[in-house]
Amino acid sequence: MTRPQGYLAIRPNQIYSWDITYLLSAIRGQYYYLYLFLDIFSRKIVGAEVYENESAALSSQLLVRICENEGIRPDQVTLHSDNGGPMKGATMLVTMQKLGVMPSFSRPSVSNDNPYSESMFKTLKYCPQFPTKPFETIEAAREWVKVFVVWYNTEQLHSGINFVTPASKHAGNDVQILTKRKKVYAEAKERNPARWSGATRNWQPIREVKLNWLKNDQINFNEESTQMAC
């Protein structure tokens, strides 16, 4: 099976990953559906909504709002997803074409082709705040997701981006934060060198984030492109 196109993100709003996950409702056999779009470079959740069903129309409406909020230009963003109906439905594909959003899809039944979304849902469902009981109403689910997104974007120090918040990384403030942190660690080592067996932690900003990258891939992109030669 041919693997999907590999990509390299070097700034926010270049490559988004998205997927849908189930949220249990209090009614047996009924679920709510969380649509979540993630910027893989900054790890910021750029859009999340809870709906009662899965549809390409709903996903396209959310994508339009995200592009408006983020000021996305045509041919700026690649959107990666799996092969579900809401992702490949006619309404969604037409909307992407109108917005100039470039599609990218996982291989059928290969979950690790979409690792950022899979990891995001694991973080969401295993965080201490996740309810131990099903959501009583869709409004309760929406309110919980709203609170989670604020916490995740603005409070969580994400290990994948060297322990800054996704919102800070998305805004480009991580360089200043990590420069200051590096200075603090260097000063601490100078005051008490016996506490350090070697160099302090590497606080360099994360400059590149790769999606479906293999070891021998060669980077081939210009200022606006995020695609790699495969």
C-alpha atoms as a PDB file:
ATOM      1  CA  MET A   1       0.000   0.000   0.000  1.00  0.00           C
ATOM      2  CA  THR A   2       1.448   3.366  -1.016  1.00  0.00           C
ATOM      3  CA  ARG A   3       2.160   5.538   1.985  1.00  0.00           C
ATOM      4  CA  PRO A   4       0.688   9.057   2.125  1.00  0.00           C
ATOM      5  CA  GLN A   5       2.523  12.204   1.136  1.00  0.00           C
ATOM      6  CA  GLY A   6       5.020  13.391   3.744  1.00  0.00           C
ATOM      7  CA  TYR A   7       4.911  16.978   4.993  1.00  0.00           C
ATOM      8  CA  LEU A   8       7.096  19.417   6.899  1.00  0.00           C
ATOM      9  CA  ALA A   9       5.694  22.351   8.875  1.00  0.00           C
ATOM     10  CA  ILE A  10       8.030  25.246   9.688  1.00  0.00           C
ATOM     11  CA  ARG A  11       5.425  27.749  10.910  1.00  0.00           C
ATOM     12  CA  PRO A  12       1.820  27.835  12.168  1.00  0.00           C
ATOM     13  CA  ASN A  13      -1.120  27.575   9.770  1.00  0.00           C
ATOM     14  CA  GLN A  14       0.657  25.349   7.256  1.00  0.00           C
ATOM     15  CA  ILE A  15      -0.580  21.859   8.114  1.00  0.00           C
ATOM     16  CA  TYR A  16      -3.737  21.002  10.000  1.00  0.00           C
ATOM     17  CA  SER A  17      -4.785  17.542  11.132  1.00  0.00           C
ATOM     18  CA  TRP A  18      -8.368  16.701  11.998  1.00  0.00           C
ATOM     19  CA  ASP A  19     -10.596  13.838  13.025  1.00  0.00           C
ATOM     20  CA  ILE A  20     -13.816  12.980  14.849  1.00  0.00           C
ATOM     21  CA  THR A  21     -14.116  11.070  18.112  1.00  0.00           C
ATOM     22  CA  TYR A  22     -17.079   9.751  20.068  1.00  0.00           C
ATOM     23  CA  LEU A  23     -18.262  11.175  23.374  1.00  0.00           C
ATOM     24  CA  LEU A  24     -20.640   9.012  25.402  1.00  0.00           C
ATOM     25  CA  SER A  25     -24.111  10.376  26.085  1.00  0.00           C
ATOM     26  CA  ALA A  26     -26.372   9.395  28.972  1.00  0.00           C
ATOM     27  CA  ILE A  27     -28.689   7.611  26.501  1.00  0.00           C
ATOM     28  CA  ARG A  28     -27.562   4.055  25.834  1.00  0.00           C
ATOM     29  CA  GLY A  29     -26.374   3.609  22.250  1.00  0.00           C
ATOM     30  CA  GLN A  30     -26.271   7.345  21.535  1.00  0.00           C
ATOM     31  CA  TYR A  31     -23.091   9.336  21.077  1.00  0.00           C
ATOM     32  CA  TYR A  32     -22.012  12.905  20.541  1.00  0.00           C
ATOM     33  CA  TYR A  33     -19.316  13.615  17.988  1.00  0.00           C
ATOM     34  CA  LEU A  34     -16.340  15.861  18.628  1.00  0.00           C
ATOM     35  CA  TYR A  35     -14.882  17.421  15.473  1.00  0.00           C
ATOM     36  CA  LEU A  36     -11.380  18.698  16.235  1.00  0.00           C
ATOM     37  CA  PHE A  37      -8.841  20.507  14.021  1.00  0.00           C
ATOM     38  CA  LEU A  38      -5.218  20.773  15.190  1.00  0.00           C
ATOM     39  CA  ASP A  39      -2.274  22.807  13.883  1.00  0.00           C
ATOM     40  CA  ILE A  40       0.567  20.257  13.935  1.00  0.00           C
ATOM     41  CA  PHE A  41       3.340  22.873  14.179  1.00  0.00           C
ATOM     42  CA  SER A  42       2.020  24.716  17.241  1.00  0.00           C
ATOM     43  CA  ARG A  43      -0.255  21.885  18.529  1.00  0.00           C
ATOM     44  CA  LYS A  44      -2.960  24.535  18.948  1.00  0.00           C
ATOM     45  CA  ILE A  45      -6.554  23.397  18.636  1.00  0.00           C
ATOM     46  CA  VAL A  46      -7.758  25.797  15.941  1.00  0.00           C
ATOM     47  CA  GLY A  47     -11.317  24.514  15.927  1.00  0.00           C
ATOM     48  CA  ALA A  48     -13.499  22.114  17.910  1.00  0.00           C
ATOM     49  CA  GLU A  49     -17.248  21.527  17.934  1.00  0.00           C
ATOM     50  CA  VAL A  50     -19.576  18.854  19.297  1.00  0.00           C
ATOM     51  CA  TYR A  51     -22.444  17.695  17.075  1.00  0.00           C
ATOM     52  CA  GLU A  52     -25.130  15.022  17.228  1.00  0.00           C
ATOM     53  CA  ASN A  53     -24.047  13.342  13.994  1.00  0.00           C
ATOM     54  CA  GLU A  54     -21.219  13.027  11.488  1.00  0.00           C
ATOM     55  CA  SER A  55     -21.543  14.881   8.207  1.00  0.00           C
ATOM     56  CA  ALA A  56     -19.440  16.583   5.560  1.00  0.00           C
ATOM     57  CA  ALA A  57     -21.723  19.626   5.792  1.00  0.00           C
ATOM     58  CA  LEU A  58     -20.909  20.162   9.471  1.00  0.00           C
ATOM     59  CA  SER A  59     -17.181  19.650   8.960  1.00  0.00           C
ATOM     60  CA  SER A  60     -17.182  22.122   6.068  1.00  0.00           C
ATOM     61  CA  GLN A  61     -18.979  24.753   8.165  1.00  0.00           C
ATOM     62  CA  LEU A  62     -16.388  24.392  10.912  1.00  0.00           C
ATOM     63  CA  LEU A  63     -13.530  24.608   8.408  1.00  0.00           C
ATOM     64  CA  VAL A  64     -14.926  27.859   7.010  1.00  0.00           C
ATOM     65  CA  ARG A  65     -14.988  29.382  10.508  1.00  0.00           C
ATOM     66  CA  ILE A  66     -11.441  28.218  11.218  1.00  0.00           C
ATOM     67  CA  CYS A  67     -10.123  29.766   8.005  1.00  0.00           C
ATOM     68  CA  GLU A  68     -11.876  33.036   8.834  1.00  0.00           C
ATOM     69  CA  ASN A  69     -10.549  33.079  12.413  1.00  0.00           C
ATOM     70  CA  GLU A  70      -6.987  32.227  11.380  1.00  0.00           C
ATOM     71  CA  GLY A  71      -6.916  34.473   8.302  1.00  0.00           C
ATOM     72  CA  ILE A  72      -6.064  31.561   5.997  1.00  0.00           C
ATOM     73  CA  ARG A  73      -5.207  32.456   2.399  1.00  0.00           C
ATOM     74  CA  PRO A  74      -5.799  30.174  -0.608  1.00  0.00           C
ATOM     75  CA  ASP A  75      -3.092  27.497  -1.015  1.00  0.00           C
ATOM     76  CA  GLN A  76      -1.726  28.195   2.474  1.00  0.00           C
ATOM     77  CA  VAL A  77      -2.954  25.186   4.470  1.00  0.00           C
ATOM     78  CA  THR A  78      -2.818  21.441   3.891  1.00  0.00           C
ATOM     79  CA  LEU A  79      -5.537  19.578   5.785  1.00  0.00           C
ATOM     80  CA  HIS A  80      -4.745  15.976   6.709  1.00  0.00           C
ATOM     81  CA  SER A  81      -7.388  13.464   7.796  1.00  0.00           C
ATOM     82  CA  ASP A  82      -8.479   9.866   7.487  1.00  0.00           C
ATOM     83  CA  ASN A  83     -10.892   8.581   4.841  1.00  0.00           C
ATOM     84  CA  GLY A  84     -14.225   8.941   6.636  1.00  0.00           C
ATOM     85  CA  GLY A  85     -17.359  10.317   5.040  1.00  0.00           C
ATOM     86  CA  PRO A  86     -17.204  13.717   6.796  1.00  0.00           C
ATOM     87  CA  MET A  87     -13.627  14.103   5.508  1.00  0.00           C
ATOM     88  CA  LYS A  88     -14.150  13.027   1.899  1.00  0.00           C
ATOM     89  CA  GLY A  89     -17.804  13.945   1.385  1.00  0.00           C
ATOM     90  CA  ALA A  90     -18.654  16.120  -1.603  1.00  0.00           C
ATOM     91  CA  THR A  91     -19.642  19.136   0.521  1.00  0.00           C
ATOM     92  CA  MET A  92     -16.339  19.096   2.391  1.00  0.00           C
ATOM     93  CA  LEU A  93     -14.234  18.658  -0.736  1.00  0.00           C
ATOM     94  CA  VAL A  94     -16.037  21.479  -2.559  1.00  0.00           C
ATOM     95  CA  THR A  95     -15.592  23.756   0.474  1.00  0.00           C
ATOM     96  CA  MET A  96     -11.883  22.972   0.616  1.00  0.00           C
ATOM     97  CA  GLN A  97     -11.552  23.740  -3.078  1.00  0.00           C
ATOM     98  CA  LYS A  98     -13.304  27.094  -2.646  1.00  0.00           C
ATOM     99  CA  LEU A  99     -11.101  27.981   0.336  1.00  0.00           C
ATOM    100  CA  GLY A 100      -7.924  26.835  -1.382  1.00  0.00           C
ATOM    101  CA  VAL A 101      -7.263  24.267   1.358  1.00  0.00           C
ATOM    102  CA  MET A 102      -5.196  21.358   0.049  1.00  0.00           C
ATOM    103  CA  PRO A 103      -6.409  17.858   1.045  1.00  0.00           C
ATOM    104  CA  SER A 104      -4.278  15.011   2.363  1.00  0.00           C
ATOM    105  CA  PHE A 105      -5.623  11.614   3.406  1.00  0.00           C
ATOM    106  CA  SER A 106      -4.402   8.638   5.402  1.00  0.00           C
ATOM    107  CA  ARG A 107      -4.266   5.161   3.982  1.00  0.00           C
ATOM    108  CA  PRO A 108      -7.463   3.168   4.648  1.00  0.00           C
ATOM    109  CA  SER A 109      -7.408   1.449   8.058  1.00  0.00           C
ATOM    110  CA  VAL A 110      -3.956   2.836   8.961  1.00  0.00           C
ATOM    111  CA  SER A 111      -4.450   4.913  12.112  1.00  0.00           C
ATOM    112  CA  ASN A 112      -0.819   5.990  12.533  1.00  0.00           C
ATOM    113  CA  ASP A 113      -0.980   7.965   9.265  1.00  0.00           C
ATOM    114  CA  ASN A 114      -2.839  10.576  11.330  1.00  0.00           C
ATOM    115  CA  PRO A 115      -0.757  10.537  14.535  1.00  0.00           C
ATOM    116  CA  TYR A 116      -1.349  14.081  15.772  1.00  0.00           C
ATOM    117  CA  SER A 117      -5.118  13.722  15.906  1.00  0.00           C
ATOM    118  CA  GLU A 118      -4.851  10.280  17.513  1.00  0.00           C
ATOM    119  CA  SER A 119      -2.501  11.664  20.170  1.00  0.00           C
ATOM    120  CA  MET A 120      -4.783  14.653  20.711  1.00  0.00           C
ATOM    121  CA  PHE A 121      -7.795  12.464  21.444  1.00  0.00           C
ATOM    122  CA  LYS A 122      -5.750  10.334  23.835  1.00  0.00           C
ATOM    123  CA  THR A 123      -4.718  13.479  25.721  1.00  0.00           C
ATOM    124  CA  LEU A 124      -8.336  14.630  25.860  1.00  0.00           C
ATOM    125  CA  LYS A 125      -9.847  11.366  27.071  1.00  0.00           C
ATOM    126  CA  TYR A 126      -7.118  10.526  29.588  1.00  0.00           C
ATOM    127  CA  CYS A 127      -6.735  13.953  31.156  1.00  0.00           C
ATOM    128  CA  PRO A 128      -7.813  14.156  34.831  1.00  0.00           C
ATOM    129  CA  GLN A 129     -10.644  16.539  33.958  1.00  0.00           C
ATOM    130  CA  PHE A 130     -12.389  14.121  31.592  1.00  0.00           C
ATOM    131  CA  PRO A 131     -15.778  13.143  33.060  1.00  0.00           C
ATOM    132  CA  THR A 132     -16.100   9.674  34.557  1.00  0.00           C
ATOM    133  CA  LYS A 133     -19.783   9.562  33.562  1.00  0.00           C
ATOM    134  CA  PRO A 134     -21.455  10.095  30.160  1.00  0.00           C
ATOM    135  CA  PHE A 135     -22.554  13.576  29.202  1.00  0.00           C
ATOM    136  CA  GLU A 136     -26.173  14.247  30.145  1.00  0.00           C
ATOM    137  CA  THR A 137     -26.770  16.631  27.229  1.00  0.00           C
ATOM    138  CA  ILE A 138     -24.993  17.884  24.149  1.00  0.00           C
ATOM    139  CA  GLU A 139     -24.797  21.294  25.827  1.00  0.00           C
ATOM    140  CA  ALA A 140     -22.856  19.724  28.706  1.00  0.00           C
ATOM    141  CA  ALA A 141     -20.484  18.077  26.230  1.00  0.00           C
ATOM    142  CA  ARG A 142     -19.971  21.341  24.373  1.00  0.00           C
ATOM    143  CA  GLU A 143     -19.267  23.246  27.580  1.00  0.00           C
ATOM    144  CA  TRP A 144     -16.716  20.673  28.739  1.00  0.00           C
ATOM    145  CA  VAL A 145     -14.931  20.721  25.378  1.00  0.00           C
ATOM    146  CA  LYS A 146     -14.888  24.531  25.428  1.00  0.00           C
ATOM    147  CA  VAL A 147     -13.174  24.553  28.825  1.00  0.00           C
ATOM    148  CA  PHE A 148     -10.753  21.821  27.760  1.00  0.00           C
ATOM    149  CA  VAL A 149      -9.695  23.715  24.617  1.00  0.00           C
ATOM    150  CA  VAL A 150      -8.889  26.842  26.646  1.00  0.00           C
ATOM    151  CA  TRP A 151      -6.854  24.794  29.130  1.00  0.00           C
ATOM    152  CA  TYR A 152      -5.049  22.830  26.421  1.00  0.00           C
ATOM    153  CA  ASN A 153      -4.196  25.867  24.305  1.00  0.00           C
ATOM    154  CA  THR A 154      -3.292  28.361  27.036  1.00  0.00           C
ATOM    155  CA  GLU A 155      -2.205  26.446  30.156  1.00  0.00           C
ATOM    156  CA  GLN A 156      -0.763  23.063  29.239  1.00  0.00           C
ATOM    157  CA  LEU A 157       3.009  23.030  28.749  1.00  0.00           C
ATOM    158  CA  HIS A 158       3.251  20.681  25.771  1.00  0.00           C
ATOM    159  CA  SER A 159       6.225  18.295  25.732  1.00  0.00           C
ATOM    160  CA  GLY A 160       6.192  18.097  21.909  1.00  0.00           C
ATOM    161  CA  ILE A 161       6.988  21.818  21.611  1.00  0.00           C
ATOM    162  CA  ASN A 162       9.533  21.971  24.446  1.00  0.00           C
ATOM    163  CA  PHE A 163       7.118  22.770  27.248  1.00  0.00           C
ATOM    164  CA  VAL A 164       5.479  25.957  26.054  1.00  0.00           C
ATOM    165  CA  THR A 165       1.750  26.328  25.524  1.00  0.00           C
ATOM    166  CA  PRO A 166       0.259  25.760  22.065  1.00  0.00           C
ATOM    167  CA  ALA A 167      -1.115  29.308  22.084  1.00  0.00           C
ATOM    168  CA  SER A 168       2.367  30.707  22.776  1.00  0.00           C
ATOM    169  CA  LYS A 169       3.876  28.609  19.992  1.00  0.00           C
ATOM    170  CA  HIS A 170       1.123  29.603  17.571  1.00  0.00           C
ATOM    171  CA  ALA A 171       1.692  33.294  18.307  1.00  0.00           C
ATOM    172  CA  GLY A 172       5.475  32.978  17.945  1.00  0.00           C
ATOM    173  CA  ASN A 173       6.150  33.785  21.600  1.00  0.00           C
ATOM    174  CA  ASP A 174       7.955  30.518  22.296  1.00  0.00           C
ATOM    175  CA  VAL A 175      11.343  31.883  21.187  1.00  0.00           C
ATOM    176  CA  GLN A 176      11.303  34.591  23.840  1.00  0.00           C
ATOM    177  CA  ILE A 177       9.988  32.204  26.503  1.00  0.00           C
ATOM    178  CA  LEU A 178      12.627  29.548  25.813  1.00  0.00           C
ATOM    179  CA  THR A 179      15.443  32.098  25.585  1.00  0.00           C
ATOM    180  CA  LYS A 180      14.513  33.363  29.050  1.00  0.00           C
ATOM    181  CA  ARG A 181      14.200  29.804  30.363  1.00  0.00           C
ATOM    182  CA  LYS A 182      17.641  28.914  29.001  1.00  0.00           C
ATOM    183  CA  LYS A 183      19.115  31.921  30.815  1.00  0.00           C
ATOM    184  CA  VAL A 184      17.424  30.953  34.077  1.00  0.00           C
ATOM    185  CA  TYR A 185      18.826  27.421  33.881  1.00  0.00           C
ATOM    186  CA  ALA A 186      22.334  28.672  33.036  1.00  0.00           C
ATOM    187  CA  GLU A 187      22.275  31.024  36.008  1.00  0.00           C
ATOM    188  CA  ALA A 188      21.046  28.250  38.292  1.00  0.00           C
ATOM    189  CA  LYS A 189      23.888  25.988  37.150  1.00  0.00           C
ATOM    190  CA  GLU A 190      26.421  28.746  37.712  1.00  0.00           C
ATOM    191  CA  ARG A 191      25.167  29.281  41.269  1.00  0.00           C
ATOM    192  CA  ASN A 192      25.153  25.588  42.134  1.00  0.00           C
ATOM    193  CA  PRO A 193      27.194  23.535  39.621  1.00  0.00           C
ATOM    194  CA  ALA A 194      27.173  20.442  41.835  1.00  0.00           C
ATOM    195  CA  ARG A 195      23.500  19.906  41.009  1.00  0.00           C
ATOM    196  CA  TRP A 196      24.291  19.411  37.322  1.00  0.00           C
ATOM    197  CA  SER A 197      26.141  16.406  35.933  1.00  0.00           C
ATOM    198  CA  GLY A 198      26.291  17.850  32.419  1.00  0.00           C
ATOM    199  CA  ALA A 199      24.681  20.474  30.257  1.00  0.00           C
ATOM    200  CA  THR A 200      21.339  21.981  31.177  1.00  0.00           C
ATOM    201  CA  ARG A 201      18.216  20.961  29.316  1.00  0.00           C
ATOM    202  CA  ASN A 202      18.043  21.906  25.643  1.00  0.00           C
ATOM    203  CA  TRP A 203      15.639  24.844  25.483  1.00  0.00           C
ATOM    204  CA  GLN A 204      15.935  25.511  21.759  1.00  0.00           C
ATOM    205  CA  PRO A 205      12.611  26.218  19.998  1.00  0.00           C
ATOM    206  CA  ILE A 206      11.164  23.443  17.870  1.00  0.00           C
ATOM    207  CA  ARG A 207      11.721  24.621  14.278  1.00  0.00           C
ATOM    208  CA  GLU A 208      10.271  21.718  12.263  1.00  0.00           C
ATOM    209  CA  VAL A 209       7.376  19.329  12.700  1.00  0.00           C
ATOM    210  CA  LYS A 210       7.026  16.355  10.360  1.00  0.00           C
ATOM    211  CA  LEU A 211       3.985  14.380   9.300  1.00  0.00           C
ATOM    212  CA  ASN A 212       4.367  10.891   7.782  1.00  0.00           C
ATOM    213  CA  TRP A 213       8.095  11.459   7.391  1.00  0.00           C
ATOM    214  CA  LEU A 214      10.435   8.581   6.638  1.00  0.00           C
ATOM    215  CA  LYS A 215      14.146   8.627   7.406  1.00  0.00           C
ATOM    216  CA  ASN A 216      15.267   8.946   3.800  1.00  0.00           C
ATOM    217  CA  ASP A 217      12.779  11.618   2.750  1.00  0.00           C
ATOM    218  CA  GLN A 218      14.328  14.685   1.177  1.00  0.00           C
ATOM    219  CA  ILE A 219      12.912  18.121   1.911  1.00  0.00           C
ATOM    220  CA  ASN A 220      11.788  19.950  -1.206  1.00  0.00           C
ATOM    221  CA  PHE A 221       9.801  23.090  -0.504  1.00  0.00           C
ATOM    222  CA  ASN A 222       9.732  26.824  -1.124  1.00  0.00           C
ATOM    223  CA  GLU A 223       8.540  29.541   1.233  1.00  0.00           C
ATOM    224  CA  GLU A 224       4.862  28.743   0.746  1.00  0.00           C
ATOM    225  CA  SER A 225       4.981  24.964   0.233  1.00  0.00           C
ATOM    226  CA  THR A 226       4.946  22.321   2.961  1.00  0.00           C
ATOM    227  CA  GLN A 227       5.077  19.243   0.758  1.00  0.00           C
ATOM    228  CA  MET A 228       8.138  17.018   0.674  1.00  0.00           C
ATOM    229  CA  ALA A 229       9.509  14.858  -2.079  1.00  0.00           C
ATOM    230  CA  CYS A 230       8.763  11.219  -1.445  1.00  0.00           C
END
